Amino acid sequence: MLFNLFRIRCDFFVVFCFLSIVCQSQSNAQESQGFELEAAPNWVIEYDPGAIDDVPTDEVSNGLHYHMVDNQIRVVKNGDRTSYSRYVETIVNQSGLDSSSQLNLKFDPSYQKLALHSLYIIRDGQRLDRLHSTKKTLLNTETELKRQIYNGSLTLNVLISDLQVGDTLDYSYTRYGANPVYRNSFSYSRNINWGVPLNIQHLRILWGKSNPLVVTAINGEPNIHTTQVDEFTEYQITQLKPQKLDSESQVPQWYDAYSSVYFSESESWNDVVSWAYPLYQFKIHSSVKQVADEIRSLHPDQPSQIVAALKYAQEQIRYVGLEMGANSHVPTAPEETLRLKYGDCKDKTSLLIAILAALDIEAYPALVDTEYTKLLQHRPPAANLFNHVIVSLRYQGQQIWLDPTLVNQSGNLANLYQPDYGFALVLKPKENSLTSMASATAGSYVHITEKYFIPKKHEDKVTLSVETQYSGKELLDIRDSLEKKGKKKVADNYEIYYQKSFPSLVSAAEMTVKLDDKQGTLSLKETYDISEYWERGDEHYEADFYPNEVRDAVFKPDQLKRTAPLALEFPNNINNHFEITFESDGWSFGDENFVEDNPFFSFQKIVTFEANTLRLQFNYVAKTDHVNADQIDEYLAARERLREEAYFGLLKYIKSDATETQTEMAEDEPLSRLQIIIVVYLLGMVFIWVSWGLESRQRPEFPGSHFYPISGVKFLILSIGTMGLYDIYWSYRNWYAIKSKYHKDIMPIARGIFAPIWFYPLFSALRQDSLERFDKNQVMLPFFALVFAAAYLIISFASSYFEHIFVVILGLLTSLFFLPLVVYINSLNDKYEGAYKYNSKWSLRQVVALILCVPLIAYTLAIETPFLPGDSVRTESQMLQSDLKFLYRKQVLPADETIEYFYSDAFFSIRDDGNGFTQERVFSYWLDDQQGFELEVASFDQIKNIEVEYAEDQDSNTIIIIKRTDSSEFMLFVSSVDDGDKLFFNTLNKLWKSKK
């Protein structure tokens, strides 16, 4: 209770300190507006950007073409710095307009002042001054809050309201001042070629201090013009259209192909040590000694004392960084960090060094760069090349690295894992070189053992237990995942992973987690039941074992023709072991031992069989973190050899007894619902056709009848019930009567089939008959006939191209257009005898036709409801809860995720097939005749690319191809109705890119 109250007070103190500093910064900023509108300093050279008429629109990125980039820096004798920048950029498209319509100029008000000098829009050759008319706002921009770092920076936001595509923006500004911690250790670096086209680049440095400035070029020799200007040494680099460099994918983070130039006040690494070493010198406070005494009392030997001190700094001191001004590099006194119970890397490092010193263990700070790692060895000495600090010490001749900011670290000193940051600069007197951290990669691995118990009968459940042991980097990752996601979520994800191979797999017990803090390992154990384990072949059952983690470790590069190295995960030590125990006898396997050893990795496959247990061992060890560009073919050949061997298959041949023959099993398989429906409809159609043919031959003649009379009620029932098909038959019979009466050379069957086109001519023929009989039109007014004919034609056309429910309903109502014609014909015939009485009777084939058609009407209407899959893309809110529960039970997606878009191509139920995506994953599932329920799932971090093949018409589906990073892929099928496929793909693609 007291500890929690103490933490709450500390949290309050942190927030109070931060808000006080920020408020003070804001107050000061408001007093002086935080920035100035003024002319450029008089020492700045104003370069002419020249004519802006050369815009390579096909090569630009993010919609911008940089015409000129100008940077000028002035350092005076006392170390004060002024940095001037000017940019001239052309807006090529909407993307560039969005990014350039507002400028965000960041500065630290604790030691910097910002001045905005000019802001022009160049349009149609005219320079439009927008310096004073734009809206300017000061914003607090804590960009590192997620990392618990508060830097107190401000951003001047300049909103440009009238910028247009095609405009050129020309603006300049100056930052006065620099972090005072660098006053005696100036350094500046700049790339001199870009990944985008650039017309003009200027770089100018005025150096006013007495000690020389060391200039170093990397990956090239730029033309640096050096002159003396009064008391300053001037360095200038001017480049016209510097070479554009296209970066390649999947390169190591330490690889840098860009040419760059470095200016540094440090001539050697010892100069950097001399600058940084004094910052970390503190006397040992009594509170620190007290902590050391407690550690010594609990841990008698030095190795355990070192680990205990490290864990104290990691676990008892929360990570919070207040990095305003000089605090970005000057550590807090250890006793103060101990009191506050929080600090950043330099604070934790100082505290850990102090505790170790109190334990009579000598340790030093070590500057590292976690981003560029090994690239540091190729850079000239400079103070600003580091972004992190850790602890270095030597114990029994071994270099030990300790990072007090790591969390969830386990193990004793002998197996304590420390990430390899490439090279470190140890801050101790007379140190004049970087120290390699390469030995820090030992002890990181993942060991996976899958144990299968195979029962005698192929239809019985197979049990699977999986034990995975993590160490080193893998342990840090899994503990982080367990803390952030929770054990249940991690277990659910593992279950989904194994369901890719075994769709019927379900968890049989709760996942267990066991941490061995001394050995530095963590073990997870899972247990599953697999009800449909074997895959059915023609004459056998089969099962495959793939060490997927090993296979994924040797991936195929996206870019095969390369000039840059290919990055490999390193360290990466994987043991994929399988133990398959058979209940039945008669199994036999030969021993195998395959070894693949090359410059990139070593791989071993060992197969043994003893006492009905088959053991498969697949062991992989990465040897390097990259493949040189000229070694890609060698790597790919080694990869292919590994993938050919990283597999083992089982075959169980089907016995020829009566219970297991393939023939009898096929006979026992029931027809699917869709097959039954198709058979029923085919039989019904055959019956209707045969019955109609027989009735046509036996149909009596009715000499006194006129046209084709039928009861209006029966006409409406048949017309609506057959979705307008009866209209065709009715039209055909009347055209046949017209042909017979007037001896016209027409085709009644063609006019019946194309009834919408011949509706008005049919009306005209009946109207002519009425005029001849009654000397007047008793059918209907020609105007209404024309309207009905046009409506009939439009609805018929729409129903061929659209599938909306209202189109279907209108199609059913077209039978009403025929009623005036039916009524007129019936008025010419006796209702109690003859053709009218005969045609109005119900026949069996007509009843069968209704039975066949009415379900189709109901289905057509129902697909617009959640009860059937439908013909369009849906959201989760348009789906039934029972269907969602089915997806949860089948592990298609976790219950806590929401479906963004979904589509099923099934006939009756989405349980037969479907695909969609959530905020976390993409899924596709289907029912296979042989395999049963099949499932493909990929989280967004497993997706390498998404491709689409749009449907050519609304009767076909769009195909979306999901390509995983392990080179596997699966497809989604999406309806193109109402452009749902475009909405589906665009949303999916945007979501995936946002997660990359």
Foldseek 3Di string as FASTA:
>chain_A
DVVVVLVVVLVVVVVVVLVVLLVVLVVVCVVVVLAAAAADDPVDDDDDLPDDDDDPLVFAPQQKAWSEWAWEKEAAAQQWIKIKIKTKMARADPSSCVVPQKDKAKDFSVWKGKYWYFKWKQDPNDTHGCSPVWDWDKAFPQPCVVVQAGASMIIIMTGHDPDDHGIMIITMMMMTGDQVLCSQKDKDKDFPEEQTWYFKYKYKYWYQHPQDKDKDKDLDDFDWDWDDDPNTIMTMGMDGGPDHDHDDPQFDLQDDNTIMMMIISDQFLLVLLVSQLVLLDDDQDPVLLVVLVVLCVVDVDDQSSLVVLLVCLQPQAAEHHHNYRNSVRREDQLVVSVVSSYYHQSPSQSSSQSSCVSVVFHKFKKFFAQRNQQNVQVDHDGNPPGNHIWMWGDDPNDIATGGSNQPPFFATRVQTADDFSAWIQTNDHPRGHIDGPVVRQPKFEKEKEKEWEAEPDQQAKIKIKIKMKGAHPRSSVVVVCCVPVNQVRVVLVVQLVVCQQALQKDWDDRKDWDADRHHRMIMIMTMIIGRNQWFDDQFWTKHKDFPVVVLLQLFQDPDLQDQGKRFGDPFYKYKYKYKYAYPDDDDDDDWDWDWQDDQFKIWIWTWDDDPRIIMIIIIIGTNDGIGHSVCSVVSVVSSVVSRVVRMDMDIGGFDPDPVTDPVVVVVPDDDDPVVVLVVVVVVLVVVLVVVVVVCVVVPDDFVQAAQFAEDPVVLLCLCLLLLRLVQLVSQLRRVVRVCVVVVDPDRSNVCSVVVLVCQLVSLVVVQVVCCVPPVGGQQDDSVLSVVLSVLQVVLVVCVVAALDPVSSVVSSVNSVSCVSVNVSSVVSDDCPDGNHVVRHDDDPSSVSSSVSRNVVSVLSNCLVAQQFQHQAKDFQVRHDPVLVVVCCVSSQDPPPWGWGIKHAPDRGDCVAWIWGDTLFKTKTWHQDPRSGIRIDMDTLVQFDDKDKDCDPGQVAWIWIWTAGSSRDIDIHTHGCHVPRVVVRVVVVVVSSVVVD
